[in-house]
C-alpha cells in the first residue's frame, strides 16, 4: 500500500480536526486495507480502520504544542505489507477569560471613602499575580477613575473608592480583570 502524504495541520484546542487518509494498493487481487494510528497518536485521536477517517479534538492541555501523528495502512496479503505517513498538528492554545468574584452594591456617606472591599481574581492560564485589575466610574464627576484604588496580590485583591468631596449621587464602578492577552 501507498499512503498519500498528509499535510501538516493547525487547529485551535477544543475544535475538531477531521481528515481522510487516502491509500492506494497495486496488489491484484485487491487486498483489504486496515488503517491504524501509530504509537505517537495523541489521547482521544481515532481513525476508522476501514475508511481512514481521522478525528481528534485536542484538549486545552495540548494548546501551544506541535503533536506528531502517524497513520498506518496495512493490507491483508501474504506477507502483509504496510505503509506509514506522518504529519504534525499545531494546536493553538485557547485563552480563557479571567474571572473576578461578584461584589455587592455599597453606599458611603458624602465625602467618605469606602472601607476596603475584598474580592478575588483567577485565570486558567495566567498566574494570579500577573492579572491586571482596573476600575472605571460611570459618573466621573462624582468618583474619578484615579480615586478607585486597587490593592492586593495573587488571587486576593481589594478596592476602595473615594468620592469627590462635597458631591452626592450614584455611580457604577466597573472592575475589569485582564490577562496578558487582554
N, C-alpha and C. Protein backbone atom coordinates (compact mmCIF):
# COMPACT_ATOMS: atom_id res chain seq x y z
N UNK A 1 0.82 -1.20 0.00
CA UNK A 1 0.00 0.00 0.00
C UNK A 1 0.86 1.26 0.00
N UNK A 2 0.31 2.33 -0.54
CA UNK A 2 0.99 3.62 -0.55
C UNK A 2 0.01 4.67 -0.01
N UNK A 3 0.40 5.31 1.08
CA UNK A 3 -0.43 6.36 1.66
C UNK A 3 -0.09 7.70 1.00
N UNK A 4 -1.12 8.46 0.64
CA UNK A 4 -0.93 9.80 0.11
C UNK A 4 -0.40 10.68 1.24
N UNK A 5 0.61 11.52 0.97
CA UNK A 5 1.10 12.41 2.03
C UNK A 5 -0.02 13.24 2.66
N UNK A 6 0.04 13.36 3.96
CA UNK A 6 -0.95 14.14 4.71
C UNK A 6 -0.28 15.45 5.10
N UNK A 7 -0.84 16.57 4.66
CA UNK A 7 -0.20 17.86 5.00
C UNK A 7 -0.32 18.14 6.50
N UNK A 8 0.64 18.90 7.01
CA UNK A 8 0.58 19.32 8.41
C UNK A 8 -0.69 20.15 8.60
N UNK A 9 -1.21 20.10 9.81
CA UNK A 9 -2.48 20.73 10.13
C UNK A 9 -2.30 21.74 11.27
N UNK A 10 -3.25 22.65 11.41
CA UNK A 10 -3.29 23.58 12.54
C UNK A 10 -4.73 23.64 13.03
N UNK A 11 -4.91 23.60 14.34
CA UNK A 11 -6.24 23.59 14.94
C UNK A 11 -6.20 24.28 16.29
N UNK A 12 -7.28 24.88 16.66
CA UNK A 12 -7.41 25.50 17.98
C UNK A 12 -7.86 24.43 18.98
N UNK A 13 -7.26 24.41 20.15
CA UNK A 13 -7.65 23.45 21.18
C UNK A 13 -9.15 23.53 21.39
N UNK A 14 -9.78 22.37 21.49
CA UNK A 14 -11.23 22.32 21.68
C UNK A 14 -12.01 22.19 20.39
N UNK A 15 -11.39 22.40 19.24
CA UNK A 15 -12.05 22.24 17.95
C UNK A 15 -11.71 20.88 17.36
N UNK A 16 -12.61 20.35 16.56
CA UNK A 16 -12.40 19.03 15.97
C UNK A 16 -11.58 19.11 14.68
N UNK A 17 -10.63 18.21 14.55
CA UNK A 17 -9.86 18.04 13.32
C UNK A 17 -10.34 16.75 12.67
N UNK A 18 -10.74 16.83 11.42
CA UNK A 18 -11.15 15.65 10.68
C UNK A 18 -10.45 15.66 9.34
N UNK A 19 -10.02 14.48 8.92
CA UNK A 19 -9.43 14.32 7.59
C UNK A 19 -9.54 12.85 7.21
N UNK A 20 -9.33 12.58 5.93
CA UNK A 20 -9.39 11.20 5.46
C UNK A 20 -8.02 10.82 4.91
N UNK A 21 -7.48 9.74 5.42
CA UNK A 21 -6.23 9.20 4.90
C UNK A 21 -6.55 8.47 3.60
N UNK A 22 -5.79 8.79 2.55
CA UNK A 22 -6.00 8.18 1.23
C UNK A 22 -4.88 7.18 0.97
N UNK A 23 -5.25 6.03 0.42
CA UNK A 23 -4.27 4.97 0.18
C UNK A 23 -4.55 4.31 -1.16
N UNK A 24 -3.50 3.83 -1.78
CA UNK A 24 -3.65 3.01 -2.99
C UNK A 24 -2.84 1.73 -2.79
N UNK A 25 -3.28 0.68 -3.48
CA UNK A 25 -2.58 -0.60 -3.34
C UNK A 25 -2.61 -1.27 -4.71
N UNK A 26 -1.44 -1.56 -5.26
CA UNK A 26 -1.33 -2.13 -6.60
C UNK A 26 -1.54 -3.64 -6.63
N UNK A 27 -1.69 -4.27 -5.47
CA UNK A 27 -1.84 -5.73 -5.44
C UNK A 27 -3.11 -6.17 -6.16
N UNK A 28 -2.98 -7.28 -6.90
CA UNK A 28 -4.12 -7.91 -7.57
C UNK A 28 -4.09 -9.38 -7.22
N UNK A 29 -5.10 -9.96 -6.70
CA UNK A 29 -6.38 -9.32 -6.39
C UNK A 29 -6.20 -8.27 -5.30
N UNK A 30 -7.18 -7.38 -5.24
CA UNK A 30 -7.11 -6.27 -4.29
C UNK A 30 -7.16 -6.81 -2.86
N UNK A 31 -6.23 -6.30 -2.05
CA UNK A 31 -6.21 -6.70 -0.63
C UNK A 31 -7.10 -5.78 0.18
N UNK A 32 -7.56 -6.32 1.30
CA UNK A 32 -8.31 -5.49 2.24
C UNK A 32 -7.29 -4.68 3.03
N UNK A 33 -7.56 -3.37 3.16
CA UNK A 33 -6.65 -2.48 3.87
C UNK A 33 -7.25 -2.09 5.23
N UNK A 34 -6.37 -1.99 6.22
CA UNK A 34 -6.79 -1.58 7.56
C UNK A 34 -5.94 -0.39 7.99
N UNK A 35 -6.62 0.66 8.45
CA UNK A 35 -5.93 1.85 8.95
C UNK A 35 -5.77 1.77 10.46
N UNK A 36 -4.67 2.34 10.94
CA UNK A 36 -4.44 2.45 12.39
C UNK A 36 -3.55 3.66 12.64
N UNK A 37 -3.52 4.07 13.91
CA UNK A 37 -2.64 5.16 14.30
C UNK A 37 -1.37 4.59 14.91
N UNK A 38 -0.27 5.29 14.69
CA UNK A 38 0.99 4.89 15.30
C UNK A 38 0.97 5.13 16.80
N UNK A 39 2.01 4.65 17.45
CA UNK A 39 2.12 4.78 18.90
C UNK A 39 2.17 6.23 19.35
N UNK A 40 2.52 7.15 18.43
CA UNK A 40 2.60 8.57 18.79
C UNK A 40 1.24 9.26 18.74
N UNK A 41 0.18 8.52 18.43
CA UNK A 41 -1.15 9.13 18.35
C UNK A 41 -1.57 9.71 19.69
N UNK A 42 -2.07 10.95 19.71
CA UNK A 42 -2.44 11.59 20.97
C UNK A 42 -3.72 10.99 21.55
N UNK A 43 -3.88 11.15 22.85
CA UNK A 43 -5.07 10.67 23.54
C UNK A 43 -6.32 11.25 22.88
N UNK A 44 -7.28 10.39 22.62
CA UNK A 44 -8.55 10.82 22.03
C UNK A 44 -8.58 10.79 20.52
N UNK A 45 -7.43 10.64 19.86
CA UNK A 45 -7.42 10.58 18.40
C UNK A 45 -7.92 9.21 17.95
N UNK A 46 -8.70 9.21 16.87
CA UNK A 46 -9.27 7.97 16.34
C UNK A 46 -9.14 7.97 14.82
N UNK A 47 -8.97 6.76 14.28
CA UNK A 47 -9.04 6.59 12.83
C UNK A 47 -9.92 5.39 12.56
N UNK A 48 -10.85 5.55 11.62
CA UNK A 48 -11.72 4.44 11.26
C UNK A 48 -10.87 3.40 10.53
N UNK A 49 -10.85 2.16 10.99
CA UNK A 49 -9.97 1.16 10.39
C UNK A 49 -10.31 0.82 8.93
N UNK A 50 -11.53 1.11 8.52
CA UNK A 50 -11.95 0.77 7.15
C UNK A 50 -11.88 1.97 6.22
N UNK A 51 -12.38 3.12 6.66
CA UNK A 51 -12.46 4.29 5.76
C UNK A 51 -11.23 5.19 5.83
N UNK A 52 -10.47 5.12 6.93
CA UNK A 52 -9.33 6.02 7.10
C UNK A 52 -9.73 7.40 7.58
N UNK A 53 -10.98 7.56 8.01
CA UNK A 53 -11.43 8.86 8.53
C UNK A 53 -10.81 9.08 9.90
N UNK A 54 -10.03 10.17 10.00
CA UNK A 54 -9.32 10.52 11.23
C UNK A 54 -10.09 11.64 11.92
N UNK A 55 -10.25 11.54 13.24
CA UNK A 55 -10.88 12.60 14.03
C UNK A 55 -10.10 12.78 15.33
N UNK A 56 -9.99 14.03 15.73
CA UNK A 56 -9.36 14.34 17.01
C UNK A 56 -9.78 15.73 17.44
N UNK A 57 -10.17 15.85 18.68
CA UNK A 57 -10.46 17.15 19.29
C UNK A 57 -9.46 17.33 20.43
N UNK A 58 -8.40 18.13 20.20
CA UNK A 58 -7.38 18.29 21.23
C UNK A 58 -7.93 19.03 22.44
N UNK A 59 -7.62 18.53 23.62
CA UNK A 59 -8.00 19.20 24.86
C UNK A 59 -7.12 20.43 25.05
N UNK A 60 -7.54 21.30 25.99
CA UNK A 60 -6.79 22.53 26.26
C UNK A 60 -5.33 22.26 26.61
N UNK A 61 -5.07 21.12 27.24
CA UNK A 61 -3.70 20.81 27.66
C UNK A 61 -2.74 20.67 26.47
N UNK A 62 -3.27 20.47 25.27
CA UNK A 62 -2.42 20.36 24.07
C UNK A 62 -2.09 21.73 23.48
N UNK A 63 -2.74 22.79 23.98
CA UNK A 63 -2.55 24.13 23.43
C UNK A 63 -1.09 24.56 23.47
N UNK A 64 -0.63 25.18 22.38
CA UNK A 64 0.74 25.67 22.29
C UNK A 64 1.75 24.58 21.95
N UNK A 65 1.28 23.42 21.56
CA UNK A 65 2.20 22.31 21.25
C UNK A 65 2.05 21.86 19.80
N UNK A 66 3.08 21.21 19.29
CA UNK A 66 3.05 20.59 17.97
C UNK A 66 3.05 19.08 18.21
N UNK A 67 2.02 18.41 17.72
CA UNK A 67 1.80 16.99 18.00
C UNK A 67 2.06 16.18 16.73
N UNK A 68 3.05 15.25 16.78
CA UNK A 68 3.26 14.37 15.63
C UNK A 68 2.25 13.22 15.65
N UNK A 69 1.77 12.86 14.47
CA UNK A 69 0.80 11.77 14.35
C UNK A 69 1.21 10.92 13.16
N UNK A 70 1.16 9.60 13.34
CA UNK A 70 1.48 8.67 12.26
C UNK A 70 0.25 7.83 11.94
N UNK A 71 -0.07 7.76 10.65
CA UNK A 71 -1.17 6.92 10.17
C UNK A 71 -0.54 5.73 9.45
N UNK A 72 -1.04 4.53 9.77
CA UNK A 72 -0.57 3.30 9.14
C UNK A 72 -1.69 2.70 8.30
N UNK A 73 -1.31 2.08 7.18
CA UNK A 73 -2.24 1.30 6.36
C UNK A 73 -1.59 -0.06 6.13
N UNK A 74 -2.30 -1.11 6.48
CA UNK A 74 -1.76 -2.47 6.36
C UNK A 74 -2.72 -3.30 5.52
N UNK A 75 -2.17 -4.06 4.55
CA UNK A 75 -3.03 -4.91 3.74
C UNK A 75 -3.09 -6.32 4.35
N UNK A 76 -4.00 -7.14 3.83
CA UNK A 76 -4.15 -8.50 4.36
C UNK A 76 -3.51 -9.54 3.45
N UNK A 77 -2.55 -9.07 2.65
CA UNK A 77 -1.85 -10.00 1.76
C UNK A 77 -0.88 -10.88 2.53
N UNK A 78 -0.29 -11.83 1.80
CA UNK A 78 0.73 -12.69 2.39
C UNK A 78 2.00 -12.50 1.59
N UNK A 79 3.01 -11.89 2.16
CA UNK A 79 3.03 -11.36 3.53
C UNK A 79 2.26 -10.03 3.59
N UNK A 80 1.82 -9.67 4.79
CA UNK A 80 1.12 -8.40 5.00
C UNK A 80 2.12 -7.26 4.79
N UNK A 81 1.71 -6.28 3.99
CA UNK A 81 2.55 -5.11 3.75
C UNK A 81 1.88 -3.89 4.37
N UNK A 82 2.71 -2.94 4.75
CA UNK A 82 2.14 -1.73 5.36
C UNK A 82 2.90 -0.50 4.90
N UNK A 83 2.26 0.63 5.10
CA UNK A 83 2.85 1.92 4.80
C UNK A 83 2.49 2.86 5.95
N UNK A 84 3.35 3.85 6.16
CA UNK A 84 3.10 4.83 7.22
C UNK A 84 3.29 6.23 6.65
N UNK A 85 2.51 7.16 7.16
CA UNK A 85 2.61 8.56 6.76
C UNK A 85 2.45 9.40 8.04
N UNK A 86 3.43 10.27 8.28
CA UNK A 86 3.39 11.11 9.48
C UNK A 86 3.08 12.55 9.09
N UNK A 87 2.40 13.23 10.00
CA UNK A 87 2.13 14.65 9.84
C UNK A 87 2.12 15.28 11.23
N UNK A 88 2.15 16.61 11.25
CA UNK A 88 2.16 17.32 12.52
C UNK A 88 0.90 18.17 12.63
N UNK A 89 0.42 18.28 13.88
CA UNK A 89 -0.72 19.13 14.16
C UNK A 89 -0.27 20.20 15.15
N UNK A 90 -0.35 21.45 14.73
CA UNK A 90 -0.05 22.57 15.62
C UNK A 90 -1.35 22.96 16.31
N UNK A 91 -1.35 22.85 17.64
CA UNK A 91 -2.55 23.14 18.41
C UNK A 91 -2.40 24.53 19.04
N UNK A 92 -3.29 25.42 18.68
CA UNK A 92 -3.28 26.78 19.22
C UNK A 92 -3.99 26.78 20.56
N UNK A 93 -3.38 27.43 21.53
CA UNK A 93 -3.97 27.50 22.87
C UNK A 93 -5.23 28.36 22.87
N UNK A 94 -6.14 28.02 23.76
CA UNK A 94 -7.36 28.80 23.95
C UNK A 94 -7.13 29.70 25.16
N UNK A 95 -7.38 30.98 24.98
CA UNK A 95 -7.24 31.91 26.10
C UNK A 95 -8.58 32.04 26.80
N UNK A 96 -8.69 31.44 27.97
CA UNK A 96 -9.90 31.57 28.78
C UNK A 96 -9.89 32.95 29.43
N UNK A 97 -11.04 33.55 29.53
CA UNK A 97 -11.13 34.86 30.16
C UNK A 97 -10.89 34.74 31.66
N UNK A 98 -10.16 35.69 32.25
CA UNK A 98 -10.01 35.69 33.70
C UNK A 98 -11.35 36.00 34.36
N UNK A 99 -11.46 35.63 35.63
CA UNK A 99 -12.72 35.77 36.36
C UNK A 99 -12.48 36.61 37.61
N UNK A 100 -13.46 37.45 37.92
CA UNK A 100 -13.43 38.27 39.13
C UNK A 100 -14.68 37.90 39.94
N UNK A 101 -14.55 37.81 41.24
CA UNK A 101 -15.70 37.45 42.07
C UNK A 101 -16.73 38.57 42.08
N UNK A 102 -17.96 38.21 42.43
CA UNK A 102 -19.05 39.19 42.48
C UNK A 102 -18.87 40.11 43.67
N UNK A 103 -19.30 41.35 43.50
CA UNK A 103 -19.28 42.34 44.58
C UNK A 103 -20.70 42.86 44.78
N UNK A 104 -21.04 43.18 46.00
CA UNK A 104 -22.36 43.73 46.31
C UNK A 104 -22.35 45.25 46.15
N UNK A 105 -23.54 45.80 45.96
CA UNK A 105 -23.69 47.25 45.93
C UNK A 105 -23.35 47.80 47.32
N UNK A 106 -22.79 48.99 47.36
CA UNK A 106 -22.47 49.62 48.64
C UNK A 106 -22.90 51.08 48.61
N UNK A 107 -23.02 51.65 49.80
CA UNK A 107 -23.32 53.08 49.96
C UNK A 107 -22.24 53.65 50.88
N UNK A 108 -21.95 54.90 50.65
CA UNK A 108 -20.99 55.58 51.52
C UNK A 108 -21.49 57.00 51.77
N UNK A 109 -21.28 57.53 52.96
CA UNK A 109 -21.71 58.91 53.22
C UNK A 109 -20.93 59.89 52.33
N UNK A 110 -21.52 61.05 52.13
CA UNK A 110 -20.89 62.09 51.31
C UNK A 110 -19.46 62.35 51.78
N UNK A 111 -18.55 62.42 50.82
CA UNK A 111 -17.13 62.74 51.02
C UNK A 111 -16.36 61.71 51.83
N UNK A 112 -16.91 60.51 52.04
CA UNK A 112 -16.24 59.48 52.83
C UNK A 112 -15.86 58.31 51.91
N UNK A 113 -14.59 57.95 51.95
CA UNK A 113 -14.13 56.81 51.15
C UNK A 113 -14.70 55.51 51.72
N UNK A 114 -14.88 54.55 50.85
CA UNK A 114 -15.37 53.25 51.32
C UNK A 114 -14.28 52.54 52.10
N UNK A 115 -14.68 51.59 52.91
CA UNK A 115 -13.71 50.68 53.51
C UNK A 115 -13.18 49.79 52.38
N UNK A 116 -12.12 49.09 52.65
CA UNK A 116 -11.56 48.18 51.67
C UNK A 116 -12.55 47.04 51.41
N UNK A 117 -12.84 46.79 50.13
CA UNK A 117 -13.81 45.77 49.73
C UNK A 117 -13.02 44.63 49.07
N UNK A 118 -13.08 43.45 49.69
CA UNK A 118 -12.30 42.30 49.21
C UNK A 118 -12.99 41.61 48.03
N UNK A 119 -12.18 41.11 47.12
CA UNK A 119 -12.66 40.28 46.01
C UNK A 119 -11.51 39.40 45.57
N UNK A 120 -11.82 38.42 44.72
CA UNK A 120 -10.78 37.52 44.23
C UNK A 120 -10.77 37.52 42.71
N UNK A 121 -9.60 37.17 42.14
CA UNK A 121 -9.43 37.02 40.70
C UNK A 121 -8.76 35.68 40.43
N UNK A 122 -9.03 35.13 39.26
CA UNK A 122 -8.37 33.87 38.86
C UNK A 122 -8.40 33.75 37.34
N UNK A 123 -7.51 32.92 36.84
CA UNK A 123 -7.44 32.67 35.41
C UNK A 123 -6.86 31.28 35.19
N UNK A 124 -7.36 30.58 34.19
CA UNK A 124 -6.92 29.21 33.93
C UNK A 124 -5.47 29.14 33.45
N UNK A 125 -5.01 30.16 32.68
CA UNK A 125 -3.67 30.08 32.10
C UNK A 125 -2.66 31.02 32.73
N UNK A 126 -3.11 32.05 33.40
CA UNK A 126 -2.20 33.09 33.88
C UNK A 126 -2.11 33.06 35.40
N UNK A 127 -0.91 33.07 35.95
CA UNK A 127 -0.78 33.15 37.41
C UNK A 127 -1.48 34.41 37.92
N UNK A 128 -2.14 34.30 39.06
CA UNK A 128 -2.95 35.41 39.60
C UNK A 128 -2.14 36.69 39.79
N UNK A 129 -0.85 36.57 40.16
CA UNK A 129 -0.05 37.77 40.39
C UNK A 129 0.20 38.55 39.11
N UNK A 130 -0.04 37.93 37.95
CA UNK A 130 0.17 38.62 36.67
C UNK A 130 -1.12 39.22 36.11
N UNK A 131 -2.23 39.01 36.81
CA UNK A 131 -3.50 39.57 36.34
C UNK A 131 -3.57 41.05 36.71
N UNK A 132 -4.08 41.85 35.78
CA UNK A 132 -4.21 43.30 35.98
C UNK A 132 -5.66 43.64 36.25
N UNK A 133 -5.90 44.39 37.32
CA UNK A 133 -7.25 44.81 37.67
C UNK A 133 -7.33 46.33 37.55
N UNK A 134 -8.39 46.82 36.93
CA UNK A 134 -8.60 48.26 36.80
C UNK A 134 -10.04 48.58 37.15
N UNK A 135 -10.28 49.84 37.48
CA UNK A 135 -11.62 50.28 37.83
C UNK A 135 -12.02 51.49 37.03
N UNK A 136 -13.31 51.60 36.72
CA UNK A 136 -13.83 52.73 35.95
C UNK A 136 -15.17 53.15 36.55
N UNK A 137 -15.35 54.45 36.68
CA UNK A 137 -16.58 55.02 37.22
C UNK A 137 -17.50 55.44 36.08
N UNK A 138 -18.79 55.20 36.25
CA UNK A 138 -19.76 55.66 35.25
C UNK A 138 -20.12 57.13 35.45
N UNK A 139 -19.70 57.71 36.59
CA UNK A 139 -20.00 59.11 36.91
C UNK A 139 -18.70 59.75 37.40
N UNK A 140 -17.84 60.13 36.45
CA UNK A 140 -16.51 60.62 36.83
C UNK A 140 -16.51 61.95 37.58
N UNK A 141 -17.52 62.81 37.47
CA UNK A 141 -17.52 63.98 38.35
C UNK A 141 -17.68 63.59 39.83
N UNK A 142 -18.37 62.48 40.09
CA UNK A 142 -18.58 62.02 41.47
C UNK A 142 -17.41 61.17 41.98
N UNK A 143 -16.97 60.23 41.15
CA UNK A 143 -15.83 59.37 41.51
C UNK A 143 -14.91 59.33 40.30
N UNK A 144 -13.73 59.89 40.46
CA UNK A 144 -12.73 59.86 39.38
C UNK A 144 -12.11 58.46 39.33
N UNK A 145 -11.77 58.03 38.13
CA UNK A 145 -11.14 56.71 37.98
C UNK A 145 -9.88 56.61 38.83
N UNK A 146 -9.14 57.71 38.96
CA UNK A 146 -7.90 57.71 39.75
C UNK A 146 -8.17 57.50 41.23
N UNK A 147 -9.42 57.69 41.66
CA UNK A 147 -9.79 57.51 43.07
C UNK A 147 -10.38 56.14 43.35
N UNK A 148 -10.25 55.24 42.39
CA UNK A 148 -10.62 53.84 42.59
C UNK A 148 -9.29 53.12 42.82
N UNK A 149 -9.02 52.78 44.05
CA UNK A 149 -7.72 52.22 44.42
C UNK A 149 -7.81 50.70 44.55
N UNK A 150 -7.04 50.02 43.72
CA UNK A 150 -6.97 48.56 43.73
C UNK A 150 -5.71 48.16 44.48
N UNK A 151 -5.82 47.20 45.37
CA UNK A 151 -4.64 46.72 46.08
C UNK A 151 -4.71 45.20 46.21
N UNK A 152 -3.65 44.63 46.73
CA UNK A 152 -3.57 43.19 46.93
C UNK A 152 -2.72 42.53 45.87
N UNK A 153 -2.43 41.26 46.11
CA UNK A 153 -1.63 40.47 45.18
C UNK A 153 -2.23 39.09 45.06
N UNK A 154 -1.78 38.36 44.04
CA UNK A 154 -2.27 37.00 43.85
C UNK A 154 -3.77 37.00 43.61
N UNK A 155 -4.44 35.99 44.15
CA UNK A 155 -5.89 35.88 43.96
C UNK A 155 -6.66 36.89 44.80
N UNK A 156 -6.11 37.33 45.92
CA UNK A 156 -6.83 38.19 46.86
C UNK A 156 -6.54 39.66 46.60
N UNK A 157 -7.58 40.39 46.23
CA UNK A 157 -7.46 41.80 45.92
C UNK A 157 -8.51 42.57 46.73
N UNK A 158 -8.39 43.89 46.71
CA UNK A 158 -9.40 44.73 47.34
C UNK A 158 -9.47 46.06 46.59
N UNK A 159 -10.58 46.73 46.78
CA UNK A 159 -10.80 48.03 46.16
C UNK A 159 -11.35 48.98 47.21
N UNK A 160 -10.90 50.22 47.16
CA UNK A 160 -11.51 51.28 47.96
C UNK A 160 -11.81 52.43 47.01
N UNK A 161 -12.92 53.10 47.31
CA UNK A 161 -13.43 54.12 46.39
C UNK A 161 -13.60 55.42 47.18
N UNK A 162 -13.03 56.49 46.65
CA UNK A 162 -13.07 57.79 47.32
C UNK A 162 -13.85 58.77 46.44
N UNK A 163 -15.07 59.16 46.87
CA UNK A 163 -15.82 60.13 46.07
C UNK A 163 -15.22 61.53 46.18
N UNK A 164 -15.53 62.38 45.21
CA UNK A 164 -15.08 63.77 45.23
C UNK A 164 -15.78 64.47 46.40
N UNK A 165 -15.04 65.19 47.24
CA UNK A 165 -15.64 65.86 48.40
C UNK A 165 -16.76 66.84 47.99
N UNK A 166 -17.83 66.84 48.79
CA UNK A 166 -18.92 67.78 48.61
C UNK A 166 -19.96 67.39 47.58
N UNK A 167 -19.81 66.24 46.91
CA UNK A 167 -20.77 65.83 45.89
C UNK A 167 -21.55 64.60 46.37
N UNK A 168 -22.78 64.48 45.90
CA UNK A 168 -23.59 63.29 46.18
C UNK A 168 -24.10 62.76 44.86
N UNK A 169 -24.50 61.52 44.86
CA UNK A 169 -25.04 60.93 43.64
C UNK A 169 -24.79 59.44 43.60
N UNK A 170 -24.98 58.90 42.43
CA UNK A 170 -24.84 57.47 42.21
C UNK A 170 -23.86 57.24 41.07
N UNK A 171 -23.07 56.22 41.22
CA UNK A 171 -22.17 55.82 40.15
C UNK A 171 -22.06 54.30 40.13
N UNK A 172 -21.75 53.79 38.99
CA UNK A 172 -21.46 52.36 38.88
C UNK A 172 -19.97 52.22 38.68
N UNK A 173 -19.34 51.44 39.53
CA UNK A 173 -17.91 51.16 39.41
C UNK A 173 -17.76 49.82 38.73
N UNK A 174 -17.05 49.80 37.63
CA UNK A 174 -16.81 48.55 36.90
C UNK A 174 -15.36 48.15 37.13
N UNK A 175 -15.17 46.96 37.71
CA UNK A 175 -13.83 46.40 37.85
C UNK A 175 -13.59 45.42 36.72
N UNK A 176 -12.44 45.52 36.11
CA UNK A 176 -12.08 44.64 35.00
C UNK A 176 -10.78 43.93 35.33
N UNK A 177 -10.75 42.62 35.08
CA UNK A 177 -9.51 41.87 35.26
C UNK A 177 -9.07 41.40 33.88
N UNK A 178 -7.77 41.55 33.60
CA UNK A 178 -7.24 41.18 32.29
C UNK A 178 -5.97 40.37 32.46
N UNK A 179 -5.77 39.44 31.54
CA UNK A 179 -4.52 38.69 31.50
C UNK A 179 -3.62 39.31 30.44
N UNK A 180 -2.50 38.67 30.17
CA UNK A 180 -1.52 39.22 29.22
C UNK A 180 -2.09 39.39 27.82
N UNK A 181 -3.12 38.60 27.47
CA UNK A 181 -3.71 38.72 26.15
C UNK A 181 -4.86 39.71 26.11
N UNK A 182 -5.09 40.41 27.22
CA UNK A 182 -6.10 41.46 27.26
C UNK A 182 -7.45 40.98 27.65
